[in-house]
C-alpha atoms as a PDB file:
ATOM      1  CA  SER A   1      -4.498  11.449  -8.178  1.00  0.00           C
ATOM      2  CA  GLN A   2      -4.011   8.148  -7.227  1.00  0.00           C
ATOM      3  CA  SER A   3      -2.236   6.624 -10.436  1.00  0.00           C
ATOM      4  CA  GLN A   4      -0.241   9.887 -10.808  1.00  0.00           C
ATOM      5  CA  SER A   5       0.961   9.114  -7.326  1.00  0.00           C
ATOM      6  CA  GLN A   6       1.567   5.629  -8.219  1.00  0.00           C
ATOM      7  CA  SER A   7       3.757   6.940 -11.129  1.00  0.00           C
ATOM      8  CA  GLN A   8       5.736   9.847  -9.371  1.00  0.00           C
ATOM      9  CA  SER A   9       6.539   7.192  -5.858  1.00  0.00           C
ATOM     10  CA  GLN A  10       8.042   4.358  -8.529  1.00  0.00           C
ATOM     11  CA  SER A  11       9.754   7.628 -10.473  1.00  0.00           C
ATOM     12  CA  GLN A  12      11.480   8.628  -7.579  1.00  0.00           C
ATOM     13  CA  SER A  13      12.149   5.156  -5.985  1.00  0.00           C
ATOM     14  CA  GLN A  14      13.941   4.429  -9.347  1.00  0.00           C
ATOM     15  CA  SER A  15      15.685   7.966  -9.371  1.00  0.00           C
ATOM     16  CA  GLN A  16      16.660   7.491  -5.192  1.00  0.00           C
ATOM     17  CA  SER A  17      17.637   3.682  -5.835  1.00  0.00           C
ATOM     18  CA  GLN A  18      20.080   5.145  -8.421  1.00  0.00           C
ATOM     19  CA  SER A  19      21.834   7.507  -6.537  1.00  0.00           C
ATOM     20  CA  GLN A  20      22.047   5.284  -3.673  1.00  0.00           C
ATOM     21  CA  SER A  21      23.625   2.471  -5.505  1.00  0.00           C
ATOM     22  CA  SER A  22      26.483   4.715  -6.405  1.00  0.00           C
ATOM     23  CA  GLN A  23      26.774   5.965  -2.983  1.00  0.00           C
ATOM     24  CA  VAL A  24      30.596   5.909  -1.798  1.00  0.00           C
ATOM     25  CA  VAL A  25      30.954   4.272   1.365  1.00  0.00           C
ATOM     26  CA  ALA A  26      32.298   6.354   4.035  1.00  0.00           C
ATOM     27  CA  ARG A  27      32.055   4.357   7.810  1.00  0.00           C
ATOM     28  CA  GLU A  28      34.364   2.508   9.472  1.00  0.00           C
ATOM     29  CA  GLU A  29      36.934  -0.494   8.658  1.00  0.00           C
ATOM     30  CA  SER A  30      35.759  -2.146  11.461  1.00  0.00           C
ATOM     31  CA  CYS A  31      31.972  -1.465  10.293  1.00  0.00           C
ATOM     32  CA  GLY A  32      32.558  -2.799   6.925  1.00  0.00           C
ATOM     33  CA  VAL A  33      31.180  -5.799   5.545  1.00  0.00           C
ATOM     34  CA  LEU A  34      30.595  -9.178   7.623  1.00  0.00           C
ATOM     35  CA  SER A  35      30.905  -6.819  10.675  1.00  0.00           C
ATOM     36  CA  PHE A  36      28.918  -7.620  13.286  1.00  0.00           C
ATOM     37  CA  HIS A  37      27.723  -5.494  16.411  1.00  0.00           C
ATOM     38  CA  LYS A  38      25.396  -6.088  19.252  1.00  0.00           C
ATOM     39  CA  ASN A  39      22.468  -3.800  19.064  1.00  0.00           C
ATOM     40  CA  THR A  40      23.343  -2.657  15.711  1.00  0.00           C
ATOM     41  CA  GLU A  41      19.554  -3.321  14.733  1.00  0.00           C
ATOM     42  CA  GLN A  42      18.235  -1.099  17.394  1.00  0.00           C
ATOM     43  CA  SER A  43      20.452   1.440  16.438  1.00  0.00           C
ATOM     44  CA  LEU A  44      19.365   1.325  13.128  1.00  0.00           C
ATOM     45  CA  LEU A  45      15.711   1.385  14.166  1.00  0.00           C
ATOM     46  CA  VAL A  46      16.613   4.799  16.298  1.00  0.00           C
ATOM     47  CA  ASN A  47      18.434   6.328  13.460  1.00  0.00           C
ATOM     48  CA  VAL A  48      15.290   5.766  10.668  1.00  0.00           C
ATOM     49  CA  ARG A  49      12.726   6.687  13.490  1.00  0.00           C
ATOM     50  CA  ASN A  50      14.747  10.078  14.227  1.00  0.00           C
ATOM     51  CA  ASN A  51      15.175  10.786  10.654  1.00  0.00           C
ATOM     52  CA  MET A  52      11.893  10.179   9.586  1.00  0.00           C
ATOM     53  CA  ASN A  53      10.432  12.246  12.027  1.00  0.00           C
ATOM     54  CA  SER A  54      12.955  15.428  10.977  1.00  0.00           C
ATOM     55  CA  ALA A  55      10.790  18.272   9.310  1.00  0.00           C
ATOM     56  CA  GLY A  56      13.095  17.562   6.308  1.00  0.00           C
ATOM     57  CA  ALA A  57      11.539  13.456   5.760  1.00  0.00           C
ATOM     58  CA  THR A  58       8.753  15.026   4.412  1.00  0.00           C
ATOM     59  CA  SER A  59       9.330  15.246   0.568  1.00  0.00           C
ATOM     60  CA  LEU A  60       9.517  11.961   0.368  1.00  0.00           C
ATOM     61  CA  LEU A  61       7.144   8.901   0.580  1.00  0.00           C
ATOM     62  CA  PRO A  62       6.966   6.618   3.872  1.00  0.00           C
ATOM     63  CA  CYS A  63       8.638   3.828   2.180  1.00  0.00           C
ATOM     64  CA  GLU A  64      10.997   5.469   0.311  1.00  0.00           C
ATOM     65  CA  GLY A  65      12.181   7.788   3.251  1.00  0.00           C
ATOM     66  CA  VAL A  66      12.544   4.733   5.489  1.00  0.00           C
ATOM     67  CA  LEU A  67      14.802   2.811   3.050  1.00  0.00           C
ATOM     68  CA  GLN A  68      16.540   5.560   2.365  1.00  0.00           C
ATOM     69  CA  GLU A  69      17.673   6.246   5.789  1.00  0.00           C
ATOM     70  CA  ILE A  70      18.505   2.190   6.290  1.00  0.00           C
ATOM     71  CA  ASP A  71      20.861   2.829   2.881  1.00  0.00           C
ATOM     72  CA  LYS A  72      22.878   5.829   4.460  1.00  0.00           C
ATOM     73  CA  TYR A  73      22.940   4.252   7.612  1.00  0.00           C
ATOM     74  CA  CYS A  74      24.603   1.076   5.985  1.00  0.00           C
ATOM     75  CA  PHE A  75      26.636   3.242   3.932  1.00  0.00           C
ATOM     76  CA  GLN A  76      27.960   5.459   6.348  1.00  0.00           C
ATOM     77  CA  LYS A  77      27.435   4.140   9.948  1.00  0.00           C
ATOM     78  CA  HIS A  78      27.846  -0.034   9.763  1.00  0.00           C
ATOM     79  CA  TRP A  79      27.227  -2.504   7.052  1.00  0.00           C
ATOM     80  CA  MET A  80      24.305  -4.361   7.416  1.00  0.00           C
ATOM     81  CA  MET A  81      22.746  -7.680   5.692  1.00  0.00           C
ATOM     82  CA  HIS A  82      19.992  -6.218   3.998  1.00  0.00           C
ATOM     83  CA  ILE A  83      19.709  -6.545  -0.012  1.00  0.00           C
ATOM     84  CA  GLY A  84      20.319  -2.545  -0.419  1.00  0.00           C
ATOM     85  CA  PRO A  85      19.199  -0.534  -3.192  1.00  0.00           C
ATOM     86  CA  GLU A  86      21.353  -2.769  -6.614  1.00  0.00           C
ATOM     87  CA  LYS A  87      19.314  -6.036  -5.852  1.00  0.00           C
ATOM     88  CA  LYS A  88      16.112  -3.973  -4.597  1.00  0.00           C
ATOM     89  CA  ARG A  89      15.436  -2.905  -8.677  1.00  0.00           C
ATOM     90  CA  MET A  90      16.741  -6.623  -9.510  1.00  0.00           C
ATOM     91  CA  ILE A  91      14.080  -7.901  -6.811  1.00  0.00           C
ATOM     92  CA  GLN A  92      11.298  -5.629  -7.496  1.00  0.00           C
ATOM     93  CA  ASP A  93      11.351  -5.763 -10.750  1.00  0.00           C
ATOM     94  CA  THR A  94      10.741  -9.600 -10.511  1.00  0.00           C
ATOM     95  CA  LEU A  95       7.970  -9.208  -8.514  1.00  0.00           C
ATOM     96  CA  LEU A  96       5.857  -6.829 -10.757  1.00  0.00           C
ATOM     97  CA  ASN A  97       6.540  -8.845 -14.076  1.00  0.00           C
ATOM     98  CA  THR A  98       5.252 -12.212 -11.808  1.00  0.00           C
ATOM     99  CA  ILE A  99       2.077 -10.268 -10.853  1.00  0.00           C
ATOM    100  CA  GLN A 100       1.494  -9.182 -14.191  1.00  0.00           C
ATOM    101  CA  LYS A 101       1.957 -13.017 -15.531  1.00  0.00           C
ATOM    102  CA  LYS A 102      -0.959 -14.392 -12.997  1.00  0.00           C
ATOM    103  CA  MET A 103      -3.278 -11.281 -13.797  1.00  0.00           C
ATOM    104  CA  GLU A 104      -3.132 -12.028 -17.431  1.00  0.00           C
ATOM    105  CA  ASN A 105      -3.045 -16.494 -17.046  1.00  0.00           C
ATOM    106  CA  HIS A 106      -5.682 -16.336 -14.462  1.00  0.00           C
ATOM    107  CA  THR A 107      -8.363 -14.369 -15.678  1.00  0.00           C
ATOM    108  CA  ARG A 108     -11.004 -17.378 -14.664  1.00  0.00           C
ATOM    109  CA  SER A 109      -9.237 -18.925 -11.479  1.00  0.00           C
ATOM    110  CA  PRO A 110     -11.566 -17.322  -8.367  1.00  0.00           C
ATOM    111  CA  ASN A 111      -8.595 -16.178  -6.703  1.00  0.00           C
ATOM    112  CA  LYS A 112      -6.863 -14.477  -9.445  1.00  0.00           C
ATOM    113  CA  ASN A 113      -6.680 -10.984  -7.627  1.00  0.00           C
ATOM    114  CA  LYS A 114      -4.861 -12.343  -4.555  1.00  0.00           C
ATOM    115  CA  PHE A 115      -1.152 -12.350  -4.738  1.00  0.00           C
ATOM    116  CA  ILE A 116      -0.011 -13.951  -1.868  1.00  0.00           C
ATOM    117  CA  CYS A 117       3.643 -13.498  -1.245  1.00  0.00           C
ATOM    118  CA  VAL A 118       6.163 -15.410   1.339  1.00  0.00           C
ATOM    119  CA  GLU A 119       9.832 -14.140   2.915  1.00  0.00           C
ATOM    120  CA  LEU A 120      11.914 -16.487   4.860  1.00  0.00           C
ATOM    121  CA  GLY A 121      14.295 -14.459   6.453  1.00  0.00           C
ATOM    122  CA  THR A 122      12.838 -10.479   7.977  1.00  0.00           C
ATOM    123  CA  TYR A 123      15.672  -9.192   9.417  1.00  0.00           C
ATOM    124  CA  CYS A 124      14.836  -5.784  10.141  1.00  0.00           C
ATOM    125  CA  GLY A 125      12.055  -5.330   7.607  1.00  0.00           C
ATOM    126  CA  TYR A 126      13.962  -3.570   4.199  1.00  0.00           C
ATOM    127  CA  SER A 127      12.992  -6.427   1.644  1.00  0.00           C
ATOM    128  CA  SER A 128       9.653  -6.341   3.329  1.00  0.00           C
ATOM    129  CA  ILE A 129       8.955  -3.072   2.745  1.00  0.00           C
ATOM    130  CA  CYS A 130      10.994  -3.306  -0.771  1.00  0.00           C
ATOM    131  CA  LEU A 131       8.567  -5.554  -1.882  1.00  0.00           C
ATOM    132  CA  ALA A 132       5.637  -3.925  -0.325  1.00  0.00           C
ATOM    133  CA  GLN A 133       6.336  -0.699  -2.056  1.00  0.00           C
ATOM    134  CA  ALA A 134       6.969  -2.533  -5.593  1.00  0.00           C
ATOM    135  CA  SER A 135       3.473  -4.155  -5.122  1.00  0.00           C
ATOM    136  CA  ALA A 136       2.187  -0.451  -4.419  1.00  0.00           C
ATOM    137  CA  SER A 137       4.038   1.219  -7.502  1.00  0.00           C
ATOM    138  CA  LEU A 138       1.298  -0.873 -10.048  1.00  0.00           C
ATOM    139  CA  ASN A 139      -0.962   1.572 -11.672  1.00  0.00           C
ATOM    140  CA  LEU A 140      -4.199  -0.728 -10.654  1.00  0.00           C
ATOM    141  CA  ASP A 141      -6.519   1.533 -12.676  1.00  0.00           C
ATOM    142  CA  GLU A 142      -4.718   1.429 -15.968  1.00  0.00           C
ATOM    143  CA  LEU A 143      -4.096  -2.425 -15.686  1.00  0.00           C
ATOM    144  CA  ASN A 144      -7.817  -2.823 -14.935  1.00  0.00           C
ATOM    145  CA  LEU A 145      -6.367  -4.688 -11.967  1.00  0.00           C
ATOM    146  CA  ASP A 146      -8.219  -5.496  -8.005  1.00  0.00           C
ATOM    147  CA  LEU A 147      -5.317  -6.492  -6.871  1.00  0.00           C
ATOM    148  CA  ASP A 148      -5.541  -7.638  -2.997  1.00  0.00           C
ATOM    149  CA  PHE A 149      -1.204  -8.247  -2.669  1.00  0.00           C
ATOM    150  CA  HIS A 150      -0.361  -9.511   0.881  1.00  0.00           C
ATOM    151  CA  LEU A 151       3.251 -10.770   2.225  1.00  0.00           C
ATOM    152  CA  PHE A 152       3.870 -13.103   4.955  1.00  0.00           C
ATOM    153  CA  THR A 153       7.724 -12.640   5.941  1.00  0.00           C
ATOM    154  CA  VAL A 154       9.081 -15.080   8.672  1.00  0.00           C
ATOM    155  CA  GLU A 155      11.370 -14.357  11.294  1.00  0.00           C
ATOM    156  CA  ILE A 156      12.885 -16.309  13.844  1.00  0.00           C
ATOM    157  CA  ASN A 157      14.959 -13.899  15.904  1.00  0.00           C
ATOM    158  CA  PRO A 158      12.116 -12.172  18.357  1.00  0.00           C
ATOM    159  CA  GLU A 159      14.677  -8.972  18.325  1.00  0.00           C
ATOM    160  CA  PHE A 160      14.797  -8.637  14.638  1.00  0.00           C
ATOM    161  CA  ALA A 161      10.773  -9.207  14.300  1.00  0.00           C
ATOM    162  CA  LYS A 162      10.141  -6.353  16.939  1.00  0.00           C
ATOM    163  CA  VAL A 163      12.453  -3.629  14.559  1.00  0.00           C
ATOM    164  CA  ALA A 164      10.443  -4.644  11.590  1.00  0.00           C
ATOM    165  CA  ARG A 165       7.441  -4.761  12.852  1.00  0.00           C
ATOM    166  CA  GLU A 166       8.002  -0.908  13.782  1.00  0.00           C
ATOM    167  CA  MET A 167       9.856  -0.127  10.406  1.00  0.00           C
ATOM    168  CA  MET A 168       6.906  -0.944   8.705  1.00  0.00           C
ATOM    169  CA  GLN A 169       5.032   1.117  10.867  1.00  0.00           C
ATOM    170  CA  LEU A 170       6.993   3.706   9.707  1.00  0.00           C
ATOM    171  CA  ALA A 171       6.814   3.109   5.995  1.00  0.00           C
ATOM    172  CA  GLN A 172       3.220   2.819   6.305  1.00  0.00           C
ATOM    173  CA  VAL A 173       3.237  -1.315   5.469  1.00  0.00           C
ATOM    174  CA  GLU A 174       1.817  -2.894   7.869  1.00  0.00           C
ATOM    175  CA  ASP A 175      -1.636  -3.776   6.669  1.00  0.00           C
ATOM    176  CA  ILE A 176      -0.152  -5.623   3.720  1.00  0.00           C
ATOM    177  CA  VAL A 177       2.659  -6.948   5.570  1.00  0.00           C
ATOM    178  CA  THR A 178       2.566  -9.409   8.499  1.00  0.00           C
ATOM    179  CA  VAL A 179       5.515 -10.610  10.887  1.00  0.00           C
ATOM    180  CA  LEU A 180       5.104 -14.637  11.494  1.00  0.00           C
ATOM    181  CA  ASP A 181       7.271 -15.551  14.178  1.00  0.00           C
ATOM    182  CA  ASN A 182       8.917 -19.329  13.493  1.00  0.00           C
ATOM    183  CA  ASP A 183      10.014 -21.339  16.807  1.00  0.00           C
ATOM    184  CA  LEU A 184      14.014 -22.473  17.118  1.00  0.00           C
ATOM    185  CA  PHE A 185      14.636 -24.990  19.087  1.00  0.00           C
ATOM    186  CA  MET A 186      17.453 -25.939  21.239  1.00  0.00           C
ATOM    187  CA  ASP A 187      19.025 -28.545  18.562  1.00  0.00           C
ATOM    188  CA  GLY A 188      19.037 -25.614  16.315  1.00  0.00           C
ATOM    189  CA  SER A 189      15.928 -26.846  14.207  1.00  0.00           C
ATOM    190  CA  THR A 190      12.715 -24.319  13.490  1.00  0.00           C
ATOM    191  CA  GLY A 191       9.062 -25.201  13.185  1.00  0.00           C
ATOM    192  CA  ASP A 192       7.738 -26.418  10.276  1.00  0.00           C
ATOM    193  CA  VAL A 193       7.730 -23.482   7.941  1.00  0.00           C
ATOM    194  CA  GLY A 194       5.010 -24.922   5.457  1.00  0.00           C
ATOM    195  CA  ALA A 195       2.864 -25.751   8.626  1.00  0.00           C
ATOM    196  CA  LEU A 196       3.128 -22.088   9.725  1.00  0.00           C
ATOM    197  CA  ILE A 197       2.586 -19.839   6.416  1.00  0.00           C
ATOM    198  CA  ARG A 198      -0.509 -22.234   5.567  1.00  0.00           C
ATOM    199  CA  ASP A 199      -2.222 -21.377   9.154  1.00  0.00           C
ATOM    200  CA  ALA A 200      -1.348 -17.382   8.465  1.00  0.00           C
ATOM    201  CA  ILE A 201      -2.606 -17.535   4.786  1.00  0.00           C
ATOM    202  CA  ALA A 202      -6.084 -19.592   6.314  1.00  0.00           C
ATOM    203  CA  SER A 203      -6.104 -16.647   9.388  1.00  0.00           C
ATOM    204  CA  LYS A 204      -5.881 -13.956   6.942  1.00  0.00           C
ATOM    205  CA  TYR A 205      -8.744 -14.845   4.554  1.00  0.00           C
ATOM    206  CA  GLY A 206     -10.562 -17.385   6.341  1.00  0.00           C
ATOM    207  CA  GLY A 207     -11.038 -21.151   6.267  1.00  0.00           C
ATOM    208  CA  ASP A 208      -8.943 -23.408   4.435  1.00  0.00           C
ATOM    209  CA  VAL A 209      -6.129 -22.466   2.102  1.00  0.00           C
ATOM    210  CA  GLY A 210      -8.169 -24.787  -0.137  1.00  0.00           C
ATOM    211  CA  ASP A 211      -7.784 -28.287  -2.117  1.00  0.00           C
ATOM    212  CA  GLU A 212      -4.394 -28.736  -3.992  1.00  0.00           C
ATOM    213  CA  ASP A 213      -5.785 -29.940  -7.018  1.00  0.00           C
ATOM    214  CA  ALA A 214      -8.536 -26.998  -7.252  1.00  0.00           C
ATOM    215  CA  ASP A 215      -8.552 -23.514  -8.341  1.00  0.00           C
ATOM    216  CA  THR A 216      -9.406 -22.514  -5.223  1.00  0.00           C
ATOM    217  CA  PHE A 217      -5.838 -23.396  -3.911  1.00  0.00           C
ATOM    218  CA  MET A 218      -3.891 -20.117  -2.368  1.00  0.00           C
ATOM    219  CA  GLY A 219      -0.174 -20.927  -3.016  1.00  0.00           C
ATOM    220  CA  ILE A 220       2.874 -18.881  -2.947  1.00  0.00           C
ATOM    221  CA  ASP A 221       2.867 -16.681  -5.930  1.00  0.00           C
ATOM    222  CA  PHE A 222       6.100 -15.263  -4.688  1.00  0.00           C
ATOM    223  CA  LEU A 223       8.723 -16.514  -2.595  1.00  0.00           C
ATOM    224  CA  MET A 224      11.805 -14.705  -1.405  1.00  0.00           C
ATOM    225  CA  ILE A 225      14.679 -16.700   0.492  1.00  0.00           C
ATOM    226  CA  ASP A 226      17.136 -14.431   2.001  1.00  0.00           C
ATOM    227  CA  HIS A 227      17.243 -16.170   6.011  1.00  0.00           C
ATOM    228  CA  ASP A 228      19.980 -19.112   7.060  1.00  0.00           C
ATOM    229  CA  LYS A 229      21.919 -20.277   4.653  1.00  0.00           C
ATOM    230  CA  ASP A 230      21.710 -23.932   5.170  1.00  0.00           C
ATOM    231  CA  SER A 231      18.173 -24.044   5.337  1.00  0.00           C
ATOM    232  CA  TYR A 232      18.017 -22.801   1.787  1.00  0.00           C
ATOM    233  CA  LEU A 233      17.155 -25.919   0.324  1.00  0.00           C
ATOM    234  CA  PRO A 234      15.652 -27.377   3.342  1.00  0.00           C
ATOM    235  CA  ASP A 235      12.916 -25.196   3.798  1.00  0.00           C
ATOM    236  CA  LEU A 236      12.243 -24.773  -0.135  1.00  0.00           C
ATOM    237  CA  GLN A 237      11.818 -28.476  -0.013  1.00  0.00           C
ATOM    238  CA  ARG A 238       9.499 -28.035   2.970  1.00  0.00           C
ATOM    239  CA  LEU A 239       7.104 -25.497   0.984  1.00  0.00           C
ATOM    240  CA  GLU A 240       7.194 -28.267  -2.243  1.00  0.00           C
ATOM    241  CA  ARG A 241       5.838 -30.673  -0.016  1.00  0.00           C
ATOM    242  CA  SER A 242       3.054 -28.519   1.733  1.00  0.00           C
ATOM    243  CA  GLY A 243       2.022 -27.578  -2.193  1.00  0.00           C
ATOM    244  CA  LEU A 244       2.392 -24.274  -1.335  1.00  0.00           C
ATOM    245  CA  ILE A 245       5.022 -23.718  -4.414  1.00  0.00           C
ATOM    246  CA  ARG A 246       3.535 -24.824  -7.661  1.00  0.00           C
ATOM    247  CA  ARG A 247       2.874 -24.012 -11.487  1.00  0.00           C
ATOM    248  CA  GLY A 248       3.350 -19.943 -11.475  1.00  0.00           C
ATOM    249  CA  THR A 249       5.602 -19.481  -8.274  1.00  0.00           C
ATOM    250  CA  CYS A 250       8.741 -17.359  -8.945  1.00  0.00           C
ATOM    251  CA  VAL A 251      11.048 -17.946  -6.661  1.00  0.00           C
ATOM    252  CA  VAL A 252      14.233 -15.436  -5.484  1.00  0.00           C
ATOM    253  CA  ALA A 253      17.167 -16.432  -3.373  1.00  0.00           C
ATOM    254  CA  ASP A 254      19.946 -13.590  -2.105  1.00  0.00           C
ATOM    255  CA  ASN A 255      23.203 -14.568  -1.184  1.00  0.00           C
ATOM    256  CA  VAL A 256      23.747 -17.710  -3.953  1.00  0.00           C
ATOM    257  CA  LEU A 257      27.305 -16.723  -4.768  1.00  0.00           C
ATOM    258  CA  PHE A 258      28.440 -14.839  -2.352  1.00  0.00           C
ATOM    259  CA  ALA A 259      27.699 -17.888   0.291  1.00  0.00           C
ATOM    260  CA  ARG A 260      28.444 -20.499  -2.234  1.00  0.00           C
ATOM    261  CA  ILE A 261      24.643 -22.266  -1.730  1.00  0.00           C
ATOM    262  CA  ASP A 262      25.442 -24.529  -4.298  1.00  0.00           C
ATOM    263  CA  GLU A 263      23.165 -27.596  -3.060  1.00  0.00           C
ATOM    264  CA  TYR A 264      20.465 -24.951  -3.796  1.00  0.00           C
ATOM    265  CA  VAL A 265      21.458 -23.659  -6.925  1.00  0.00           C
ATOM    266  CA  ASN A 266      22.267 -27.158  -8.587  1.00  0.00           C
ATOM    267  CA  TYR A 267      19.059 -28.414  -6.883  1.00  0.00           C
ATOM    268  CA  MET A 268      17.244 -26.078  -9.262  1.00  0.00           C
ATOM    269  CA  LYS A 269      19.151 -26.672 -12.308  1.00  0.00           C
ATOM    270  CA  GLU A 270      18.400 -30.387 -12.105  1.00  0.00           C
ATOM    271  CA  LEU A 271      14.745 -29.285 -12.027  1.00  0.00           C
ATOM    272  CA  GLY A 272      15.311 -27.086 -15.163  1.00  0.00           C
ATOM    273  CA  GLU A 273      16.964 -30.356 -16.603  1.00  0.00           C
ATOM    274  CA  MET A 274      14.079 -32.766 -15.655  1.00  0.00           C
ATOM    275  CA  GLY A 275      12.156 -33.989 -18.487  1.00  0.00           C
ATOM    276  CA  GLU A 276      10.737 -30.840 -20.726  1.00  0.00           C
ATOM    277  CA  GLY A 277      12.018 -28.497 -17.498  1.00  0.00           C
ATOM    278  CA  ILE A 278      10.324 -28.246 -13.685  1.00  0.00           C
ATOM    279  CA  VAL A 279      11.697 -24.890 -13.352  1.00  0.00           C
ATOM    280  CA  THR A 280      13.247 -22.101 -15.393  1.00  0.00           C
ATOM    281  CA  THR A 281      16.030 -20.260 -13.154  1.00  0.00           C
ATOM    282  CA  VAL A 282      18.943 -18.111 -13.541  1.00  0.00           C
ATOM    283  CA  THR A 283      21.359 -16.916 -11.335  1.00  0.00           C
ATOM    284  CA  LYS A 284      22.000 -12.913 -12.178  1.00  0.00           C
ATOM    285  CA  GLU A 285      25.343 -11.415 -11.028  1.00  0.00           C
ATOM    286  CA  ALA A 286      25.400  -8.604  -8.399  1.00  0.00           C
ATOM    287  CA  SER A 287      27.643  -7.128  -5.555  1.00  0.00           C
ATOM    288  CA  VAL A 288      27.186  -7.482  -2.105  1.00  0.00           C
ATOM    289  CA  GLU A 289      24.988  -4.985  -0.335  1.00  0.00           C
ATOM    290  CA  TYR A 290      26.583  -1.875   0.585  1.00  0.00           C
ATOM    291  CA  SER A 291      30.067  -2.567  -0.737  1.00  0.00           C
ATOM    292  CA  GLY A 292      31.582  -0.084  -3.097  1.00  0.00           C
ATOM    293  CA  LYS A 293      34.578   2.796  -2.610  1.00  0.00           C
ATOM    294  CA  MET A 294      35.941   3.989   0.433  1.00  0.00           C
ATOM    295  CA  GLN A 295      36.278   7.708   0.014  1.00  0.00           C
ATOM    296  CA  GLY A 296      39.510   9.007   0.124  1.00  0.00           C
ATOM    297  CA  ALA A 297      41.348  10.604   3.242  1.00  0.00           C
ATOM    298  CA  GLY A 298      41.032  14.231   1.393  1.00  0.00           C
ATOM    299  CA  GLN A 299      44.298  16.024   0.659  1.00  0.00           C
ATOM    300  CA  GLY A 300      43.059  15.157  -3.074  1.00  0.00           C
ATOM    301  CA  GLN A 301      43.692  11.628  -2.689  1.00  0.00           C
ATOM    302  CA  ASP A 302      41.040   9.110  -4.870  1.00  0.00           C
ATOM    303  CA  ASP A 303      38.559   7.402  -3.335  1.00  0.00           C
ATOM    304  CA  VAL A 304      39.368   3.613  -3.816  1.00  0.00           C
ATOM    305  CA  ASP A 305      37.449   0.121  -4.367  1.00  0.00           C
ATOM    306  CA  VAL A 306      37.114  -1.580  -0.936  1.00  0.00           C
ATOM    307  CA  ASP A 307      35.041  -4.455   0.525  1.00  0.00           C
ATOM    308  CA  VAL A 308      34.106  -5.388  -2.971  1.00  0.00           C
ATOM    309  CA  PHE A 309      32.329  -8.762  -3.089  1.00  0.00           C
ATOM    310  CA  LYS A 310      30.795 -10.154  -5.908  1.00  0.00           C
ATOM    311  CA  ASP A 311      27.543 -12.014  -5.123  1.00  0.00           C
ATOM    312  CA  GLY A 312      24.094 -13.162  -6.983  1.00  0.00           C
ATOM    313  CA  VAL A 313      20.595 -13.836  -6.950  1.00  0.00           C
ATOM    314  CA  GLU A 314      19.315 -17.046  -8.271  1.00  0.00           C
ATOM    315  CA  ILE A 315      15.527 -16.254  -9.738  1.00  0.00           C
ATOM    316  CA  THR A 316      13.399 -19.180 -10.445  1.00  0.00           C
ATOM    317  CA  THR A 317      10.111 -19.696 -11.895  1.00  0.00           C
ATOM    318  CA  TYR A 318       7.968 -22.992 -11.625  1.00  0.00           C
ATOM    319  CA  LEU A 319       6.528 -24.093 -14.937  1.00  0.00           C
ATOM    320  CA  GLN A 320       5.263 -27.202 -13.441  1.00  0.00           C
ATOM    321  CA  ASP A 321       4.313 -28.345  -9.256  1.00  0.00           C
ATOM    322  CA  PRO A 322       7.439 -29.200  -7.997  1.00  0.00           C
ATOM    323  CA  LYS A 323       5.544 -32.874  -6.980  1.00  0.00           C
ATOM    324  CA  CYS A 324       6.099 -33.876 -10.624  1.00  0.00           C
ATOM    325  CA  ALA A 325       9.571 -34.138  -9.610  1.00  0.00           C
ATOM    326  CA  GLN A 326       9.057 -36.072  -6.964  1.00  0.00           C
ATOM    327  CA  LYS A 327       7.119 -38.965  -9.019  1.00  0.00           C
END
């Protein structure tokens, strides 16, 4: 049945993620953490495509197969800046909790079954596939839900967006994920992300996104931030001013410790201390993606810890509309 299939998928995903998070790093030193080489993204896509088309790939569901192949590539061939299996579980759990809370707390809203997820920084589509996979793992029959989940993910690099779209096709999630190309101008600025997302929601669901003060308004339920580190706070505040972030929105920001995105973290903490609290926020520690143990050189040599870097994810839930902080 569909529920059994979803349960098996979730169990299989957890098992695969646990084994992958303990993988030993086997890549060359020149391809370690924070190593960047031209065309790595295209090489990854070719690798995933070839392995997904091989006979041995048929035992995995498409989502899990793609994620596993990306993880293998990043552990064994070249480090890349996906969220990786450790943070994947953390973010998926947060998304599932947010979905269930919305379903429980908005029983009378005309849009209660619509769940709008937004991601800033698509890159190659790994985290987009993770989010789509998590939404598909819900046992909707058991929960008596008719969930209309959709992810809008924003990318400024057209080459990355092209890779991501094909990854999503391989993972078979293109029906619930829309990749949005944002403009990058000569002065380094980007297009208005709030307007871009508003237009995308309106195009998907028809008409306007609704009156910000009405129950029919379709704002962002879950926001994943993992793009240019200097843009975390400015883009968050743009989305706040647009009205798309409101009470109940959950925001997850990656790399806040490793990249020292203190301005963003401090802003969230300040919101948490205003009045009775605009938000609740917590920094959950993790390791930088695809860091771990390097294989020994053989001859009885032990594996050694290399490329191990501390990182963290900021998880924030808005208890009130952020405009309360602007009064």
